C-alpha atoms as a PDB file:
ATOM      1  CA  MET A   1      -8.552  -3.531   3.958  1.00  0.00           C
ATOM      2  CA  THR A   2     -10.103  -1.465   7.100  1.00  0.00           C
ATOM      3  CA  ARG A   3     -13.679  -1.681   5.882  1.00  0.00           C
ATOM      4  CA  ASP A   4     -15.498  -4.373   7.646  1.00  0.00           C
ATOM      5  CA  ARG A   5     -16.515  -5.710   3.974  1.00  0.00           C
ATOM      6  CA  LEU A   6     -14.219  -5.981   1.072  1.00  0.00           C
ATOM      7  CA  PRO A   7     -15.668  -3.553  -1.420  1.00  0.00           C
ATOM      8  CA  ILE A   8     -15.477  -6.049  -4.137  1.00  0.00           C
ATOM      9  CA  THR A   9     -16.756  -9.256  -5.113  1.00  0.00           C
ATOM     10  CA  PRO A  10     -13.915 -12.035  -5.013  1.00  0.00           C
ATOM     11  CA  GLU A  11     -13.393 -13.565  -8.228  1.00  0.00           C
ATOM     12  CA  PRO A  12     -12.229 -17.640  -8.644  1.00  0.00           C
ATOM     13  CA  GLY A  13      -9.178 -17.816  -7.030  1.00  0.00           C
ATOM     14  CA  LEU A  14      -9.204 -15.515  -4.166  1.00  0.00           C
ATOM     15  CA  THR A  15     -10.350 -17.147  -0.916  1.00  0.00           C
ATOM     16  CA  ILE A  16     -11.392 -15.340   2.187  1.00  0.00           C
ATOM     17  CA  ARG A  17     -10.941 -16.981   5.749  1.00  0.00           C
ATOM     18  CA  GLU A  18     -12.465 -15.101   8.709  1.00  0.00           C
ATOM     19  CA  PHE A  19     -11.051 -15.866  12.464  1.00  0.00           C
ATOM     20  CA  ASP A  20     -12.280 -14.399  15.796  1.00  0.00           C
ATOM     21  CA  ILE A  21      -9.374 -13.108  17.673  1.00  0.00           C
ATOM     22  CA  PRO A  22     -10.015 -12.685  21.729  1.00  0.00           C
ATOM     23  CA  ALA A  23      -9.819  -9.092  22.788  1.00  0.00           C
ATOM     24  CA  ARG A  24      -9.046  -7.734  26.207  1.00  0.00           C
ATOM     25  CA  ASP A  25     -12.738  -6.883  26.828  1.00  0.00           C
ATOM     26  CA  SER A  26     -13.592 -10.454  26.132  1.00  0.00           C
ATOM     27  CA  HIS A  27     -15.584  -9.612  22.850  1.00  0.00           C
ATOM     28  CA  PRO A  28     -13.794 -11.323  19.990  1.00  0.00           C
ATOM     29  CA  ILE A  29     -12.376  -9.157  17.050  1.00  0.00           C
ATOM     30  CA  ARG A  30     -13.499 -10.583  13.684  1.00  0.00           C
ATOM     31  CA  ILE A  31     -10.188 -10.607  11.365  1.00  0.00           C
ATOM     32  CA  ARG A  32     -10.215 -11.339   7.717  1.00  0.00           C
ATOM     33  CA  SER A  33      -7.234 -12.631   5.727  1.00  0.00           C
ATOM     34  CA  TYR A  34      -6.852 -13.356   1.949  1.00  0.00           C
ATOM     35  CA  ALA A  35      -5.321 -15.729   0.319  1.00  0.00           C
ATOM     36  CA  ALA A  36      -4.789 -16.168  -3.594  1.00  0.00           C
ATOM     37  CA  SER A  37      -6.387 -19.541  -3.989  1.00  0.00           C
ATOM     38  CA  PRO A  38      -8.085 -22.188  -1.914  1.00  0.00           C
ATOM     39  CA  ALA A  39      -4.946 -24.336  -2.205  1.00  0.00           C
ATOM     40  CA  ALA A  40      -3.112 -21.490  -0.512  1.00  0.00           C
ATOM     41  CA  ALA A  41      -5.753 -20.717   1.996  1.00  0.00           C
ATOM     42  CA  GLU A  42      -4.040 -22.315   4.677  1.00  0.00           C
ATOM     43  CA  LYS A  43      -0.431 -21.434   3.998  1.00  0.00           C
ATOM     44  CA  LEU A  44      -0.378 -18.239   2.217  1.00  0.00           C
ATOM     45  CA  PRO A  45      -3.148 -15.779   3.551  1.00  0.00           C
ATOM     46  CA  LEU A  46      -2.906 -11.879   3.875  1.00  0.00           C
ATOM     47  CA  LEU A  47      -2.163 -11.506   7.681  1.00  0.00           C
ATOM     48  CA  ILE A  48      -2.100  -9.323  10.548  1.00  0.00           C
ATOM     49  CA  TYR A  49       1.187  -9.820  12.289  1.00  0.00           C
ATOM     50  CA  LEU A  50       0.375  -9.733  16.169  1.00  0.00           C
ATOM     51  CA  HIS A  51      -2.007 -12.879  15.658  1.00  0.00           C
ATOM     52  CA  ALA A  52      -0.424 -14.928  13.092  1.00  0.00           C
ATOM     53  CA  GLU A  53       0.155 -17.624  15.275  1.00  0.00           C
ATOM     54  CA  GLU A  54      -3.705 -17.804  16.144  1.00  0.00           C
ATOM     55  CA  MET A  55      -4.591 -17.638  12.847  1.00  0.00           C
ATOM     56  CA  GLY A  56      -2.201 -20.521  11.767  1.00  0.00           C
ATOM     57  CA  ALA A  57      -0.090 -18.320   9.607  1.00  0.00           C
ATOM     58  CA  ASP A  58       3.363 -18.780   8.023  1.00  0.00           C
ATOM     59  CA  LEU A  59       4.192 -15.058   7.355  1.00  0.00           C
ATOM     60  CA  SER A  60       7.661 -16.159   6.118  1.00  0.00           C
ATOM     61  CA  LYS A  61       5.529 -17.288   2.667  1.00  0.00           C
ATOM     62  CA  GLY A  62       3.818 -14.183   2.492  1.00  0.00           C
ATOM     63  CA  PHE A  63       3.714 -10.795   4.652  1.00  0.00           C
ATOM     64  CA  VAL A  64       2.164  -7.979   2.826  1.00  0.00           C
ATOM     65  CA  LEU A  65       1.638  -4.538   4.257  1.00  0.00           C
ATOM     66  CA  GLY A  66      -0.124  -1.753   2.531  1.00  0.00           C
ATOM     67  CA  GLY A  67      -2.489   1.294   2.521  1.00  0.00           C
ATOM     68  CA  THR A  68      -4.275   3.973   0.505  1.00  0.00           C
ATOM     69  CA  SER A  69      -3.286   7.651   0.618  1.00  0.00           C
ATOM     70  CA  ALA A  70      -1.741   8.521   4.265  1.00  0.00           C
ATOM     71  CA  GLY A  71      -2.259   4.837   4.902  1.00  0.00           C
ATOM     72  CA  GLY A  72       0.374   4.373   1.971  1.00  0.00           C
ATOM     73  CA  ASN A  73       2.581   6.812   3.454  1.00  0.00           C
ATOM     74  CA  PHE A  74       2.668   4.818   6.883  1.00  0.00           C
ATOM     75  CA  THR A  75       3.312   1.695   4.785  1.00  0.00           C
ATOM     76  CA  PHE A  76       6.270   3.108   3.847  1.00  0.00           C
ATOM     77  CA  GLY A  77       7.436   4.590   6.699  1.00  0.00           C
ATOM     78  CA  ILE A  78       6.811   0.945   8.754  1.00  0.00           C
ATOM     79  CA  ALA A  79       8.617  -0.801   6.158  1.00  0.00           C
ATOM     80  CA  HIS A  80      11.626   1.305   6.745  1.00  0.00           C
ATOM     81  CA  LEU A  81      11.381   0.838  10.552  1.00  0.00           C
ATOM     82  CA  ALA A  82      10.893  -2.858  10.032  1.00  0.00           C
ATOM     83  CA  ALA A  83      13.736  -3.436   7.818  1.00  0.00           C
ATOM     84  CA  GLN A  84      16.104  -0.999  10.650  1.00  0.00           C
ATOM     85  CA  GLU A  85      14.573  -3.222  13.549  1.00  0.00           C
ATOM     86  CA  GLY A  86      15.154  -6.576  11.570  1.00  0.00           C
ATOM     87  CA  LEU A  87      11.487  -7.442  11.686  1.00  0.00           C
ATOM     88  CA  SER A  88      11.290 -11.373  11.596  1.00  0.00           C
ATOM     89  CA  PRO A  89       9.626 -12.774   9.549  1.00  0.00           C
ATOM     90  CA  PRO A  90      10.304  -9.904   7.081  1.00  0.00           C
ATOM     91  CA  LEU A  91       7.873  -7.849   4.958  1.00  0.00           C
ATOM     92  CA  THR A  92       7.782  -9.450   1.648  1.00  0.00           C
ATOM     93  CA  GLY A  93       4.948  -7.075   0.044  1.00  0.00           C
ATOM     94  CA  LEU A  94       3.947  -3.667  -0.271  1.00  0.00           C
ATOM     95  CA  LEU A  95       0.620  -1.870  -1.601  1.00  0.00           C
ATOM     96  CA  PHE A  96       0.613   1.627  -2.314  1.00  0.00           C
ATOM     97  CA  LEU A  97      -2.885   2.716  -3.303  1.00  0.00           C
ATOM     98  CA  ALA A  98      -2.798   6.907  -4.147  1.00  0.00           C
ATOM     99  CA  SER A  99      -0.251   6.968  -1.466  1.00  0.00           C
ATOM    100  CA  SER A 100       2.256   9.826  -0.531  1.00  0.00           C
ATOM    101  CA  PHE A 101       6.048   9.508   0.476  1.00  0.00           C
ATOM    102  CA  CYS A 102       7.233  13.097   1.258  1.00  0.00           C
ATOM    103  CA  HIS A 103       5.986  16.225   2.183  1.00  0.00           C
ATOM    104  CA  PRO A 104       6.349  18.590  -0.511  1.00  0.00           C
ATOM    105  CA  ASP A 105       8.328  21.055   1.007  1.00  0.00           C
ATOM    106  CA  VAL A 106      10.999  18.922   1.791  1.00  0.00           C
ATOM    107  CA  ARG A 107      11.486  17.003  -1.594  1.00  0.00           C
ATOM    108  CA  PRO A 108      14.935  15.610  -2.076  1.00  0.00           C
ATOM    109  CA  GLU A 109      17.051  18.126  -3.920  1.00  0.00           C
ATOM    110  CA  GLN A 110      18.006  15.121  -6.645  1.00  0.00           C
ATOM    111  CA  TYR A 111      14.433  14.380  -7.000  1.00  0.00           C
ATOM    112  CA  LYS A 112      12.658  18.166  -7.291  1.00  0.00           C
ATOM    113  CA  ASP A 113      12.436  17.811 -11.011  1.00  0.00           C
ATOM    114  CA  ARG A 114      10.681  14.527 -11.152  1.00  0.00           C
ATOM    115  CA  ILE A 115       8.193  15.591  -8.150  1.00  0.00           C
ATOM    116  CA  ARG A 116       6.143  18.183 -10.025  1.00  0.00           C
ATOM    117  CA  SER A 117       2.445  17.057  -9.654  1.00  0.00           C
ATOM    118  CA  VAL A 118       1.787  18.309  -6.386  1.00  0.00           C
ATOM    119  CA  ASP A 119       2.459  21.972  -7.663  1.00  0.00           C
ATOM    120  CA  GLU A 120       0.911  21.317 -10.948  1.00  0.00           C
ATOM    121  CA  VAL A 121      -2.112  19.558 -10.087  1.00  0.00           C
ATOM    122  CA  THR A 122      -4.187  22.235  -8.482  1.00  0.00           C
ATOM    123  CA  ASP A 123      -7.787  21.848  -9.442  1.00  0.00           C
ATOM    124  CA  ALA A 124      -8.387  18.132  -9.010  1.00  0.00           C
ATOM    125  CA  PRO A 125     -11.395  16.867  -6.807  1.00  0.00           C
ATOM    126  CA  GLY A 126     -10.405  15.246  -3.254  1.00  0.00           C
ATOM    127  CA  LEU A 127      -6.672  16.465  -2.847  1.00  0.00           C
ATOM    128  CA  THR A 128      -5.057  19.697  -3.796  1.00  0.00           C
ATOM    129  CA  ARG A 129      -1.646  21.266  -2.452  1.00  0.00           C
ATOM    130  CA  LYS A 130      -3.927  23.267  -0.074  1.00  0.00           C
ATOM    131  CA  SER A 131      -5.600  20.334   1.531  1.00  0.00           C
ATOM    132  CA  ILE A 132      -2.147  18.409   1.782  1.00  0.00           C
ATOM    133  CA  ASP A 133      -0.648  21.517   3.795  1.00  0.00           C
ATOM    134  CA  TYR A 134      -3.779  21.584   5.816  1.00  0.00           C
ATOM    135  CA  PHE A 135      -3.434  17.593   6.638  1.00  0.00           C
ATOM    136  CA  ALA A 136      -0.067  18.190   7.356  1.00  0.00           C
ATOM    137  CA  LYS A 137      -0.407  21.151   9.836  1.00  0.00           C
ATOM    138  CA  ILE A 138      -3.305  19.209  11.825  1.00  0.00           C
ATOM    139  CA  TYR A 139      -0.871  15.984  11.547  1.00  0.00           C
ATOM    140  CA  GLY A 140       1.859  18.032  13.552  1.00  0.00           C
ATOM    141  CA  ALA A 141       5.004  16.218  12.570  1.00  0.00           C
ATOM    142  CA  PRO A 142       8.165  18.141  11.402  1.00  0.00           C
ATOM    143  CA  PHE A 143       8.009  17.601   7.535  1.00  0.00           C
ATOM    144  CA  ASP A 144      11.479  16.521   7.514  1.00  0.00           C
ATOM    145  CA  ASP A 145      10.852  13.575  10.137  1.00  0.00           C
ATOM    146  CA  LYS A 146      11.253  10.521   7.683  1.00  0.00           C
ATOM    147  CA  ARG A 147       8.188   8.772   9.298  1.00  0.00           C
ATOM    148  CA  LEU A 148       6.346  11.459   7.418  1.00  0.00           C
ATOM    149  CA  SER A 149       8.565  11.822   4.642  1.00  0.00           C
ATOM    150  CA  PRO A 150       9.987   8.586   4.265  1.00  0.00           C
ATOM    151  CA  LEU A 151      11.087   9.370   0.843  1.00  0.00           C
ATOM    152  CA  LEU A 152      13.967  10.988   2.290  1.00  0.00           C
ATOM    153  CA  TYR A 153      15.814   7.974   3.823  1.00  0.00           C
ATOM    154  CA  PRO A 154      19.138   7.670   1.949  1.00  0.00           C
ATOM    155  CA  SER A 155      18.497   4.034   1.043  1.00  0.00           C
ATOM    156  CA  HIS A 156      15.218   1.944   0.242  1.00  0.00           C
ATOM    157  CA  ALA A 157      17.098  -1.342  -0.296  1.00  0.00           C
ATOM    158  CA  GLY A 158      15.680  -4.269   1.903  1.00  0.00           C
ATOM    159  CA  LEU A 159      12.132  -3.342   2.362  1.00  0.00           C
ATOM    160  CA  ALA A 160      10.191  -5.962   0.711  1.00  0.00           C
ATOM    161  CA  GLN A 161      10.899  -8.399  -2.412  1.00  0.00           C
ATOM    162  CA  LYS A 162       7.533  -7.172  -4.152  1.00  0.00           C
ATOM    163  CA  ALA A 163       5.538  -3.949  -4.251  1.00  0.00           C
ATOM    164  CA  ALA A 164       2.519  -2.918  -6.251  1.00  0.00           C
ATOM    165  CA  PHE A 165       1.410   0.733  -7.123  1.00  0.00           C
ATOM    166  CA  TYR A 166      -1.976   2.142  -8.018  1.00  0.00           C
ATOM    167  CA  VAL A 167      -1.674   5.729  -9.380  1.00  0.00           C
ATOM    168  CA  CYS A 168      -3.975   8.222 -10.232  1.00  0.00           C
ATOM    169  CA  GLY A 169      -2.912  10.631 -13.140  1.00  0.00           C
ATOM    170  CA  TRP A 170      -5.050  13.651 -11.948  1.00  0.00           C
ATOM    171  CA  ASP A 171      -3.529  13.375  -8.378  1.00  0.00           C
ATOM    172  CA  PRO A 172      -0.861  15.877  -6.765  1.00  0.00           C
ATOM    173  CA  ARG A 173       0.725  12.721  -5.276  1.00  0.00           C
ATOM    174  CA  ARG A 174       1.144  11.087  -8.725  1.00  0.00           C
ATOM    175  CA  ASP A 175       4.678  11.954  -9.775  1.00  0.00           C
ATOM    176  CA  GLU A 176       5.948  10.810  -6.073  1.00  0.00           C
ATOM    177  CA  ALA A 177       4.510   6.981  -6.507  1.00  0.00           C
ATOM    178  CA  LEU A 178       6.009   6.749 -10.149  1.00  0.00           C
ATOM    179  CA  LEU A 179       9.420   7.824  -9.121  1.00  0.00           C
ATOM    180  CA  LEU A 180       9.523   5.463  -6.186  1.00  0.00           C
ATOM    181  CA  ASP A 181       8.062   2.650  -8.311  1.00  0.00           C
ATOM    182  CA  GLN A 182      11.388   3.388 -10.380  1.00  0.00           C
ATOM    183  CA  ILE A 183      13.682   3.685  -7.272  1.00  0.00           C
ATOM    184  CA  LEU A 184      12.363   0.335  -5.886  1.00  0.00           C
ATOM    185  CA  GLN A 185      12.979  -1.392  -9.092  1.00  0.00           C
ATOM    186  CA  GLU A 186      16.618  -0.089  -9.066  1.00  0.00           C
ATOM    187  CA  GLU A 187      17.085  -1.699  -5.694  1.00  0.00           C
ATOM    188  CA  GLY A 188      15.832  -4.837  -6.944  1.00  0.00           C
ATOM    189  CA  VAL A 189      12.252  -4.936  -5.990  1.00  0.00           C
ATOM    190  CA  ASP A 190       9.609  -6.860  -8.407  1.00  0.00           C
ATOM    191  CA  THR A 191       7.040  -4.189  -9.076  1.00  0.00           C
ATOM    192  CA  LYS A 192       3.910  -3.853 -10.607  1.00  0.00           C
ATOM    193  CA  LEU A 193       2.294  -0.525 -11.586  1.00  0.00           C
ATOM    194  CA  PHE A 194      -1.361   0.559 -12.468  1.00  0.00           C
ATOM    195  CA  VAL A 195      -1.835   3.921 -13.835  1.00  0.00           C
ATOM    196  CA  TYR A 196      -4.999   5.452 -14.281  1.00  0.00           C
ATOM    197  CA  PRO A 197      -4.762   8.634 -16.378  1.00  0.00           C
ATOM    198  CA  GLY A 198      -7.171  11.487 -15.804  1.00  0.00           C
ATOM    199  CA  LEU A 199      -8.380  10.200 -12.556  1.00  0.00           C
ATOM    200  CA  PRO A 200      -8.405  12.062  -9.184  1.00  0.00           C
ATOM    201  CA  HIS A 201      -7.130  10.705  -5.782  1.00  0.00           C
ATOM    202  CA  GLY A 202      -9.004   7.822  -4.845  1.00  0.00           C
ATOM    203  CA  PHE A 203     -11.458   7.704  -7.391  1.00  0.00           C
ATOM    204  CA  TRP A 204     -12.701   4.286  -6.813  1.00  0.00           C
ATOM    205  CA  THR A 205     -13.646   5.531  -3.438  1.00  0.00           C
ATOM    206  CA  THR A 206     -15.488   8.581  -4.425  1.00  0.00           C
ATOM    207  CA  CYS A 207     -17.024   7.398  -7.901  1.00  0.00           C
ATOM    208  CA  PRO A 208     -17.519   3.681  -7.225  1.00  0.00           C
ATOM    209  CA  ASP A 209     -19.871   3.009  -9.860  1.00  0.00           C
ATOM    210  CA  LEU A 210     -17.730   4.206 -12.854  1.00  0.00           C
ATOM    211  CA  ASP A 211     -16.501   1.743 -15.211  1.00  0.00           C
ATOM    212  CA  VAL A 212     -13.103   2.364 -14.487  1.00  0.00           C
ATOM    213  CA  SER A 213     -13.543   2.039 -10.682  1.00  0.00           C
ATOM    214  CA  LYS A 214     -14.874  -1.397 -11.414  1.00  0.00           C
ATOM    215  CA  ALA A 215     -11.865  -2.167 -13.631  1.00  0.00           C
ATOM    216  CA  TRP A 216      -9.808  -1.111 -10.532  1.00  0.00           C
ATOM    217  CA  GLN A 217     -11.427  -3.483  -8.343  1.00  0.00           C
ATOM    218  CA  ARG A 218     -10.216  -6.274 -10.800  1.00  0.00           C
ATOM    219  CA  ASP A 219      -6.726  -4.625 -10.722  1.00  0.00           C
ATOM    220  CA  LEU A 220      -6.608  -4.855  -6.990  1.00  0.00           C
ATOM    221  CA  LEU A 221      -7.201  -8.253  -7.073  1.00  0.00           C
ATOM    222  CA  GLU A 222      -4.537  -8.674  -9.832  1.00  0.00           C
ATOM    223  CA  GLY A 223      -2.318  -6.995  -7.525  1.00  0.00           C
ATOM    224  CA  VAL A 224      -3.007  -8.640  -4.300  1.00  0.00           C
ATOM    225  CA  GLY A 225      -2.401 -11.714  -5.990  1.00  0.00           C
ATOM    226  CA  PHE A 226       0.955 -10.719  -7.475  1.00  0.00           C
ATOM    227  CA  LEU A 227       2.000  -9.671  -4.070  1.00  0.00           C
ATOM    228  CA  LEU A 228       0.848 -12.957  -2.759  1.00  0.00           C
ATOM    229  CA  SER A 229       2.531 -15.308  -5.066  1.00  0.00           C
ATOM    230  CA  THR A 230       4.752 -17.736  -3.316  1.00  0.00           C
ATOM    231  CA  LEU A 231       8.590 -17.047  -3.274  1.00  0.00           C
ATOM    232  CA  ASP A 232       9.803 -19.877  -5.025  1.00  0.00           C
ATOM    233  CA  GLY A 233       8.108 -18.594  -8.268  1.00  0.00           C
ATOM    234  CA  ASN A 234       4.574 -20.476  -7.965  1.00  0.00           C
ATOM    235  CA  GLN A 235       1.797 -18.276  -8.993  1.00  0.00           C
ATOM    236  CA  TYR A 236      -1.801 -18.655  -7.673  1.00  0.00           C
END
């Protein structure tokens, strides 16, 4: 979570811990971590990798990376780089919220008939093909750079053991997420998919008072709990 406050009220079973990490300017940085239960708080929080030791964490028991929209794009690219570099401990879970995985102009040939929403969803609020192209131009990376379009990697094996997807039905990026969910399943990844028919990109941020946005908050907790479930099969 990038906000100062988690935008949901934790339900029973989710524990929040806070840590002050010293910074170079001597002003501590407040870091929040999330564990799936009080019993797991000391051994299975959602952590920031660089300060795992200071936070008393064992990343081998749960190491989750995730993001919303472009943040999910970065997540997928970083997951590939982490696997290539042999990051240790490795990522165990990936969290994708209304995420993008490939620029429309470089869709892999074998998936072109599967990624249609970016052309068909032209009037949705919040994100359209026009705004996608605008942001890509500002970003400035070549469209076929795998860090921008990680769907272009020839294989997606070995990135993580679990992944959770939150997909908006009225979102140009919808089909990419549905496709990647299937691809990761075929690679042996345990996935959890949440789909919100007829709702636009990141609706939970733009329309937080909708009943479905409140339902999404509960779904988010469920998905995080799924990703933080211990590797030996115990559920928290």
